[in-house]
């Protein structure tokens, strides 16, 4: 399956290009545009970016697979990313994961048609621990009760 930027993303790329020393420096912004356009980073999109930015596909794959914010496959509408680092761990991360697993019926690393559940490294909101991110929205100071209410709202 081939990929190409839609008109808006191609225009954004052309607008950003003069501001960077080399097209290779646009890899992360281009990956974001691909993900916004398609919902994930496909092999076809990596091939397209390889030619556009003059970067080997293997390097692009390495970047995509390194960062948890990029997806290599289509994902359900709600990607729940639970912070697993020290602040969240000490403030009840395990109870939050247990509540999520009970409410949506999946374990970490699994998905349903509506939800995917992942544990990720620090999301940078330690003062609000325990916290998680659903897609790009942060939820802080979680309790088993408010996580259940949140998931029920999303499932509607």
N, C-alpha and C. Protein backbone atom coordinates (compact mmCIF):
# COMPACT_ATOMS: atom_id res chain seq x y z
N UNK A 1 0.85 -1.18 0.00
CA UNK A 1 0.00 0.00 0.00
C UNK A 1 0.89 1.24 0.00
N UNK A 2 0.65 2.13 -0.91
CA UNK A 2 1.49 3.33 -0.99
C UNK A 2 0.92 4.43 -0.10
N UNK A 3 1.77 5.35 0.22
CA UNK A 3 1.41 6.46 1.09
C UNK A 3 1.96 7.73 0.47
N UNK A 4 1.26 8.82 0.67
CA UNK A 4 1.79 10.16 0.38
C UNK A 4 1.05 11.14 1.28
N UNK A 5 1.73 12.24 1.57
CA UNK A 5 1.09 13.26 2.38
C UNK A 5 -0.14 13.80 1.66
N UNK A 6 -1.17 14.13 2.45
CA UNK A 6 -2.30 14.83 1.87
C UNK A 6 -1.84 16.28 1.59
N UNK A 7 -2.69 17.03 0.97
CA UNK A 7 -2.32 18.39 0.55
C UNK A 7 -1.90 19.28 1.73
N UNK A 8 -2.63 19.19 2.84
CA UNK A 8 -2.30 20.01 4.02
C UNK A 8 -0.93 19.66 4.58
N UNK A 9 -0.63 18.37 4.69
CA UNK A 9 0.66 17.96 5.24
C UNK A 9 1.80 18.24 4.28
N UNK A 10 1.56 18.09 2.99
CA UNK A 10 2.60 18.44 2.02
C UNK A 10 2.90 19.93 2.07
N UNK A 11 1.87 20.75 2.20
CA UNK A 11 2.08 22.19 2.34
C UNK A 11 2.83 22.53 3.63
N UNK A 12 2.49 21.84 4.72
CA UNK A 12 3.20 22.06 5.99
C UNK A 12 4.66 21.68 5.85
N UNK A 13 4.93 20.55 5.19
CA UNK A 13 6.32 20.13 4.96
C UNK A 13 7.07 21.19 4.16
N UNK A 14 6.48 21.66 3.09
CA UNK A 14 7.13 22.67 2.24
C UNK A 14 7.37 23.96 3.01
N UNK A 15 6.46 24.31 3.91
CA UNK A 15 6.60 25.51 4.72
C UNK A 15 7.74 25.37 5.74
N UNK A 16 7.90 24.18 6.30
CA UNK A 16 8.95 23.94 7.30
C UNK A 16 10.33 23.76 6.69
N UNK A 17 10.40 23.25 5.49
CA UNK A 17 11.67 22.87 4.85
C UNK A 17 12.74 23.96 4.88
N UNK A 18 12.41 25.21 4.56
CA UNK A 18 13.47 26.24 4.57
C UNK A 18 14.02 26.56 5.97
N UNK A 19 13.28 26.18 7.00
CA UNK A 19 13.71 26.51 8.36
C UNK A 19 14.67 25.48 8.95
N UNK A 20 14.93 24.40 8.24
CA UNK A 20 15.79 23.33 8.74
C UNK A 20 17.05 23.24 7.89
N UNK A 21 18.18 22.87 8.51
CA UNK A 21 19.44 22.83 7.77
C UNK A 21 19.48 21.75 6.70
N UNK A 22 18.72 20.69 6.89
CA UNK A 22 18.66 19.58 5.93
C UNK A 22 17.30 18.90 6.09
N UNK A 23 16.75 18.37 5.02
CA UNK A 23 15.46 17.69 5.15
C UNK A 23 15.45 16.58 6.20
N UNK A 24 16.58 15.95 6.46
CA UNK A 24 16.66 14.88 7.47
C UNK A 24 16.19 15.37 8.85
N UNK A 25 16.41 16.64 9.12
CA UNK A 25 16.04 17.21 10.41
C UNK A 25 14.52 17.28 10.60
N UNK A 26 13.78 17.04 9.55
CA UNK A 26 12.31 17.09 9.61
C UNK A 26 11.69 15.73 9.94
N UNK A 27 12.49 14.74 10.30
CA UNK A 27 11.94 13.41 10.51
C UNK A 27 10.83 13.38 11.56
N UNK A 28 11.07 13.91 12.74
CA UNK A 28 10.04 13.85 13.78
C UNK A 28 8.77 14.62 13.39
N UNK A 29 8.88 15.85 12.89
CA UNK A 29 7.63 16.52 12.46
C UNK A 29 6.89 15.75 11.37
N UNK A 30 7.63 15.14 10.45
CA UNK A 30 6.99 14.36 9.38
C UNK A 30 6.33 13.10 9.93
N UNK A 31 6.97 12.46 10.90
CA UNK A 31 6.34 11.29 11.51
C UNK A 31 5.03 11.67 12.20
N UNK A 32 5.02 12.82 12.88
CA UNK A 32 3.77 13.28 13.51
C UNK A 32 2.70 13.50 12.44
N UNK A 33 3.07 14.10 11.32
CA UNK A 33 2.08 14.34 10.28
C UNK A 33 1.55 13.04 9.71
N UNK A 34 2.43 12.06 9.50
CA UNK A 34 1.98 10.75 9.03
C UNK A 34 0.98 10.16 10.01
N UNK A 35 1.35 10.19 11.30
CA UNK A 35 0.47 9.58 12.29
C UNK A 35 -0.87 10.30 12.39
N UNK A 36 -0.87 11.62 12.29
CA UNK A 36 -2.14 12.36 12.30
C UNK A 36 -2.97 12.01 11.08
N UNK A 37 -2.31 11.82 9.95
CA UNK A 37 -3.03 11.53 8.71
C UNK A 37 -3.58 10.11 8.68
N UNK A 38 -2.76 9.13 9.08
CA UNK A 38 -3.13 7.73 8.93
C UNK A 38 -3.48 7.02 10.24
N UNK A 39 -3.07 7.60 11.37
CA UNK A 39 -3.32 6.95 12.65
C UNK A 39 -2.19 6.07 13.12
N UNK A 40 -1.23 5.80 12.25
CA UNK A 40 -0.06 4.98 12.58
C UNK A 40 1.00 5.21 11.51
N UNK A 41 2.18 4.63 11.72
CA UNK A 41 3.28 4.77 10.76
C UNK A 41 3.42 3.44 10.02
N UNK A 42 2.96 3.40 8.80
CA UNK A 42 3.00 2.17 7.99
C UNK A 42 4.35 2.02 7.29
N UNK A 43 4.59 0.83 6.77
CA UNK A 43 5.81 0.58 5.98
C UNK A 43 5.81 1.49 4.75
N UNK A 44 4.65 1.68 4.16
CA UNK A 44 4.56 2.57 2.99
C UNK A 44 4.90 4.01 3.33
N UNK A 45 4.48 4.45 4.52
CA UNK A 45 4.81 5.81 4.94
C UNK A 45 6.30 5.95 5.21
N UNK A 46 6.92 4.92 5.80
CA UNK A 46 8.37 4.98 6.03
C UNK A 46 9.14 5.02 4.71
N UNK A 47 8.67 4.28 3.73
CA UNK A 47 9.31 4.30 2.40
C UNK A 47 9.17 5.69 1.78
N UNK A 48 8.00 6.28 1.89
CA UNK A 48 7.74 7.63 1.38
C UNK A 48 8.68 8.65 2.05
N UNK A 49 8.76 8.60 3.39
CA UNK A 49 9.63 9.53 4.12
C UNK A 49 11.09 9.29 3.80
N UNK A 50 11.47 8.06 3.57
CA UNK A 50 12.85 7.74 3.22
C UNK A 50 13.28 8.49 1.96
N UNK A 51 12.41 8.48 0.97
CA UNK A 51 12.70 9.19 -0.29
C UNK A 51 12.61 10.69 -0.10
N UNK A 52 11.59 11.14 0.61
CA UNK A 52 11.37 12.58 0.80
C UNK A 52 12.51 13.24 1.58
N UNK A 53 13.00 12.54 2.62
CA UNK A 53 13.98 13.14 3.52
C UNK A 53 15.40 12.63 3.30
N UNK A 54 15.58 11.70 2.38
CA UNK A 54 16.89 11.10 2.11
C UNK A 54 17.48 10.45 3.37
N UNK A 55 16.65 9.57 3.96
CA UNK A 55 17.02 8.84 5.17
C UNK A 55 16.75 7.37 4.91
N UNK A 56 17.65 6.47 5.30
CA UNK A 56 17.36 5.04 5.13
C UNK A 56 16.11 4.62 5.90
N UNK A 57 15.35 3.72 5.31
CA UNK A 57 14.14 3.23 5.97
C UNK A 57 14.44 2.60 7.32
N UNK A 58 15.59 1.94 7.42
CA UNK A 58 15.95 1.29 8.69
C UNK A 58 16.11 2.33 9.79
N UNK A 59 16.64 3.49 9.46
CA UNK A 59 16.78 4.56 10.47
C UNK A 59 15.39 5.05 10.90
N UNK A 60 14.51 5.22 9.95
CA UNK A 60 13.15 5.68 10.27
C UNK A 60 12.46 4.66 11.16
N UNK A 61 12.59 3.39 10.82
CA UNK A 61 11.99 2.34 11.64
C UNK A 61 12.57 2.39 13.06
N UNK A 62 13.87 2.60 13.18
CA UNK A 62 14.49 2.69 14.50
C UNK A 62 13.92 3.82 15.33
N UNK A 63 13.67 4.96 14.72
CA UNK A 63 13.10 6.11 15.42
C UNK A 63 11.65 5.80 15.82
N UNK A 64 10.87 5.27 14.89
CA UNK A 64 9.46 4.97 15.18
C UNK A 64 9.33 3.93 16.28
N UNK A 65 10.17 2.91 16.24
CA UNK A 65 10.06 1.84 17.24
C UNK A 65 10.65 2.26 18.59
N UNK A 66 11.49 3.28 18.62
CA UNK A 66 12.07 3.76 19.88
C UNK A 66 11.08 4.59 20.69
N UNK A 67 10.37 5.49 20.04
CA UNK A 67 9.47 6.41 20.73
C UNK A 67 8.09 5.79 20.92
N UNK A 68 7.59 5.79 22.16
CA UNK A 68 6.28 5.20 22.44
C UNK A 68 5.13 6.01 21.86
N UNK A 69 5.38 7.24 21.46
CA UNK A 69 4.28 8.07 20.95
C UNK A 69 3.92 7.72 19.50
N UNK A 70 4.78 6.94 18.83
CA UNK A 70 4.49 6.54 17.46
C UNK A 70 3.97 5.10 17.44
N UNK A 71 3.04 4.83 16.56
CA UNK A 71 2.42 3.51 16.46
C UNK A 71 2.80 2.87 15.13
N UNK A 72 3.19 1.60 15.19
CA UNK A 72 3.54 0.84 13.99
C UNK A 72 2.34 0.08 13.43
N UNK A 73 1.24 0.13 14.12
CA UNK A 73 0.03 -0.53 13.63
C UNK A 73 -1.18 0.31 14.02
N UNK A 74 -2.26 0.06 13.31
CA UNK A 74 -3.49 0.77 13.64
C UNK A 74 -3.85 0.45 15.08
N UNK A 75 -4.36 1.45 15.76
CA UNK A 75 -4.73 1.23 17.14
C UNK A 75 -6.19 1.60 17.34
N UNK A 76 -6.77 1.11 18.42
CA UNK A 76 -8.16 1.47 18.71
C UNK A 76 -8.29 2.97 18.96
N UNK A 77 -9.52 3.48 19.04
CA UNK A 77 -9.72 4.92 19.23
C UNK A 77 -9.08 5.48 20.50
N UNK A 78 -8.96 4.67 21.56
CA UNK A 78 -8.40 5.17 22.82
C UNK A 78 -7.18 4.36 23.24
N UNK A 79 -6.02 5.01 23.21
CA UNK A 79 -4.78 4.37 23.66
C UNK A 79 -4.48 4.88 25.07
N UNK A 80 -4.62 3.99 26.04
CA UNK A 80 -4.38 4.33 27.44
C UNK A 80 -2.93 4.02 27.75
N UNK A 81 -2.18 5.07 28.09
CA UNK A 81 -0.77 4.90 28.43
C UNK A 81 -0.59 5.27 29.90
N UNK A 82 -0.27 4.27 30.71
CA UNK A 82 -0.11 4.48 32.14
C UNK A 82 1.37 4.65 32.44
N UNK A 83 1.69 5.73 33.15
CA UNK A 83 3.07 5.99 33.54
C UNK A 83 3.52 4.93 34.54
N UNK A 84 4.72 4.38 34.32
CA UNK A 84 5.21 3.32 35.20
C UNK A 84 6.44 3.72 36.02
N UNK A 85 6.78 4.99 36.03
CA UNK A 85 7.98 5.40 36.74
C UNK A 85 7.70 5.69 38.21
N UNK A 86 8.73 6.06 38.93
CA UNK A 86 8.73 6.06 40.39
C UNK A 86 7.57 6.81 41.04
N UNK A 87 7.31 8.04 40.66
CA UNK A 87 6.24 8.81 41.30
C UNK A 87 4.90 8.11 41.17
N UNK A 88 4.59 7.66 39.99
CA UNK A 88 3.30 6.97 39.77
C UNK A 88 3.28 5.62 40.48
N UNK A 89 4.40 4.94 40.46
CA UNK A 89 4.49 3.65 41.16
C UNK A 89 4.20 3.83 42.65
N UNK A 90 4.82 4.83 43.26
CA UNK A 90 4.64 5.07 44.69
C UNK A 90 3.24 5.58 45.03
N UNK A 91 2.58 6.20 44.07
CA UNK A 91 1.26 6.80 44.33
C UNK A 91 0.09 5.93 43.89
N UNK A 92 0.35 4.69 43.50
CA UNK A 92 -0.77 3.80 43.22
C UNK A 92 -0.99 3.38 41.79
N UNK A 93 0.05 3.40 40.99
CA UNK A 93 -0.08 2.99 39.58
C UNK A 93 -0.67 1.60 39.44
N UNK A 94 -0.26 0.66 40.29
CA UNK A 94 -0.76 -0.71 40.18
C UNK A 94 -2.27 -0.79 40.39
N UNK A 95 -2.80 0.01 41.31
CA UNK A 95 -4.25 0.04 41.54
C UNK A 95 -4.99 0.60 40.32
N UNK A 96 -4.37 1.58 39.68
CA UNK A 96 -4.98 2.18 38.48
C UNK A 96 -5.02 1.15 37.36
N UNK A 97 -3.91 0.45 37.15
CA UNK A 97 -3.88 -0.56 36.10
C UNK A 97 -4.91 -1.66 36.39
N UNK A 98 -4.99 -2.09 37.62
CA UNK A 98 -5.97 -3.11 37.98
C UNK A 98 -7.39 -2.63 37.68
N UNK A 99 -7.68 -1.37 38.00
CA UNK A 99 -9.01 -0.80 37.72
C UNK A 99 -9.30 -0.77 36.23
N UNK A 100 -8.30 -0.38 35.45
CA UNK A 100 -8.47 -0.34 33.99
C UNK A 100 -8.71 -1.74 33.45
N UNK A 101 -7.89 -2.68 33.90
CA UNK A 101 -8.03 -4.06 33.42
C UNK A 101 -9.41 -4.63 33.74
N UNK A 102 -9.90 -4.34 34.93
CA UNK A 102 -11.23 -4.82 35.31
C UNK A 102 -12.34 -4.13 34.51
N UNK A 103 -12.19 -2.86 34.28
CA UNK A 103 -13.25 -2.09 33.59
C UNK A 103 -13.34 -2.43 32.11
N UNK A 104 -12.20 -2.56 31.42
CA UNK A 104 -12.24 -2.77 29.97
C UNK A 104 -11.94 -4.22 29.56
N UNK A 105 -11.51 -5.06 30.52
CA UNK A 105 -11.33 -6.48 30.25
C UNK A 105 -10.09 -6.85 29.48
N UNK A 106 -9.04 -6.05 29.61
CA UNK A 106 -7.77 -6.37 28.95
C UNK A 106 -6.62 -6.17 29.94
N UNK A 107 -5.49 -6.77 29.61
CA UNK A 107 -4.26 -6.61 30.39
C UNK A 107 -3.33 -5.66 29.63
N UNK A 108 -2.27 -5.21 30.32
CA UNK A 108 -1.27 -4.35 29.68
C UNK A 108 -0.73 -5.06 28.43
N UNK A 109 -0.66 -4.32 27.34
CA UNK A 109 -0.19 -4.86 26.07
C UNK A 109 -1.30 -5.41 25.19
N UNK A 110 -2.52 -5.45 25.71
CA UNK A 110 -3.64 -5.97 24.94
C UNK A 110 -4.54 -4.83 24.46
N UNK A 111 -5.47 -5.20 23.59
CA UNK A 111 -6.40 -4.20 23.04
C UNK A 111 -7.76 -4.82 22.78
N UNK A 112 -8.76 -3.95 22.76
CA UNK A 112 -10.10 -4.30 22.31
C UNK A 112 -10.37 -3.42 21.09
N UNK A 113 -11.57 -3.45 20.60
CA UNK A 113 -11.91 -2.56 19.49
C UNK A 113 -11.89 -1.10 19.91
N UNK A 114 -12.04 -0.83 21.20
CA UNK A 114 -12.12 0.54 21.69
C UNK A 114 -10.87 1.02 22.42
N UNK A 115 -10.20 0.12 23.15
CA UNK A 115 -9.08 0.52 24.01
C UNK A 115 -7.83 -0.32 23.75
N UNK A 116 -6.67 0.32 23.93
CA UNK A 116 -5.38 -0.36 24.01
C UNK A 116 -4.75 0.12 25.31
N UNK A 117 -4.15 -0.81 26.06
CA UNK A 117 -3.55 -0.47 27.35
C UNK A 117 -2.05 -0.72 27.31
N UNK A 118 -1.28 0.32 27.63
CA UNK A 118 0.18 0.24 27.64
C UNK A 118 0.74 0.87 28.90
N UNK A 119 1.88 0.36 29.34
CA UNK A 119 2.67 1.02 30.38
C UNK A 119 3.81 1.72 29.66
N UNK A 120 4.08 2.98 30.03
CA UNK A 120 5.12 3.75 29.37
C UNK A 120 6.01 4.43 30.40
N UNK A 121 7.14 4.89 29.93
CA UNK A 121 8.05 5.64 30.79
C UNK A 121 7.43 6.98 31.14
N UNK A 122 8.11 7.73 31.93
CA UNK A 122 7.62 8.99 32.49
C UNK A 122 6.93 9.87 31.45
N UNK A 123 5.75 10.32 31.81
CA UNK A 123 4.99 11.23 30.95
C UNK A 123 5.17 12.69 31.37
N UNK A 124 5.99 12.92 32.39
CA UNK A 124 6.35 14.28 32.76
C UNK A 124 5.33 15.03 33.58
N UNK A 125 4.50 14.33 34.31
CA UNK A 125 3.51 15.00 35.15
C UNK A 125 3.55 14.39 36.55
N UNK A 126 4.75 14.31 37.10
CA UNK A 126 4.97 13.64 38.39
C UNK A 126 4.16 14.25 39.53
N UNK A 127 3.91 15.53 39.49
CA UNK A 127 3.16 16.17 40.57
C UNK A 127 1.70 15.72 40.59
N UNK A 128 1.23 15.12 39.52
CA UNK A 128 -0.15 14.65 39.45
C UNK A 128 -0.26 13.13 39.52
N UNK A 129 0.77 12.48 40.04
CA UNK A 129 0.79 11.02 40.10
C UNK A 129 -0.28 10.48 41.04
N UNK A 130 -0.85 9.31 40.72
CA UNK A 130 -0.63 8.55 39.49
C UNK A 130 -1.40 9.17 38.33
N UNK A 131 -0.83 9.04 37.17
CA UNK A 131 -1.44 9.67 36.00
C UNK A 131 -1.33 8.76 34.80
N UNK A 132 -2.08 9.12 33.77
CA UNK A 132 -2.02 8.42 32.51
C UNK A 132 -2.36 9.37 31.38
N UNK A 133 -2.14 8.90 30.19
CA UNK A 133 -2.45 9.67 28.99
C UNK A 133 -3.37 8.81 28.12
N UNK A 134 -4.45 9.39 27.68
CA UNK A 134 -5.32 8.71 26.72
C UNK A 134 -5.25 9.54 25.45
N UNK A 135 -4.67 8.92 24.42
CA UNK A 135 -4.32 9.60 23.18
C UNK A 135 -3.36 10.74 23.54
N UNK A 136 -3.80 11.97 23.55
CA UNK A 136 -2.90 13.07 23.90
C UNK A 136 -3.40 13.87 25.11
N UNK A 137 -4.38 13.33 25.80
CA UNK A 137 -4.99 14.01 26.94
C UNK A 137 -4.46 13.40 28.24
N UNK A 138 -3.95 14.25 29.13
CA UNK A 138 -3.42 13.78 30.42
C UNK A 138 -4.53 13.77 31.48
N UNK A 139 -4.49 12.74 32.33
CA UNK A 139 -5.40 12.60 33.47
C UNK A 139 -4.53 12.35 34.69
N UNK A 140 -4.66 13.21 35.69
CA UNK A 140 -3.78 13.16 36.86
C UNK A 140 -4.58 12.88 38.13
N UNK A 141 -3.82 12.58 39.20
CA UNK A 141 -4.40 12.33 40.53
C UNK A 141 -5.52 11.29 40.46
N UNK A 142 -5.22 10.20 39.80
CA UNK A 142 -6.21 9.17 39.56
C UNK A 142 -6.51 8.33 40.80
N UNK A 143 -7.73 7.85 40.84
CA UNK A 143 -8.17 6.89 41.85
C UNK A 143 -8.89 5.78 41.09
N UNK A 144 -9.05 4.61 41.70
CA UNK A 144 -9.83 3.57 41.02
C UNK A 144 -11.24 4.05 40.65
N UNK A 145 -11.84 4.88 41.49
CA UNK A 145 -13.19 5.38 41.21
C UNK A 145 -13.21 6.33 40.01
N UNK A 146 -12.30 7.33 39.98
CA UNK A 146 -12.39 8.27 38.87
C UNK A 146 -11.89 7.67 37.55
N UNK A 147 -11.03 6.65 37.60
CA UNK A 147 -10.63 6.01 36.35
C UNK A 147 -11.80 5.20 35.79
N UNK A 148 -12.58 4.57 36.66
CA UNK A 148 -13.76 3.82 36.21
C UNK A 148 -14.76 4.76 35.55
N UNK A 149 -15.01 5.91 36.17
CA UNK A 149 -15.94 6.89 35.61
C UNK A 149 -15.44 7.41 34.25
N UNK A 150 -14.14 7.68 34.15
CA UNK A 150 -13.57 8.16 32.89
C UNK A 150 -13.76 7.12 31.78
N UNK A 151 -13.44 5.88 32.06
CA UNK A 151 -13.55 4.84 31.04
C UNK A 151 -14.99 4.60 30.62
N UNK A 152 -15.91 4.71 31.56
CA UNK A 152 -17.34 4.56 31.22
C UNK A 152 -17.80 5.70 30.31
N UNK A 153 -17.31 6.93 30.56
CA UNK A 153 -17.64 8.07 29.69
C UNK A 153 -17.10 7.84 28.28
N UNK A 154 -15.87 7.36 28.19
CA UNK A 154 -15.25 7.15 26.88
C UNK A 154 -15.95 6.03 26.09
N UNK A 155 -16.42 5.04 26.80
CA UNK A 155 -17.05 3.89 26.14
C UNK A 155 -18.42 4.21 25.56
N UNK A 156 -19.01 5.35 25.93
CA UNK A 156 -20.35 5.72 25.43
C UNK A 156 -20.31 6.16 24.00
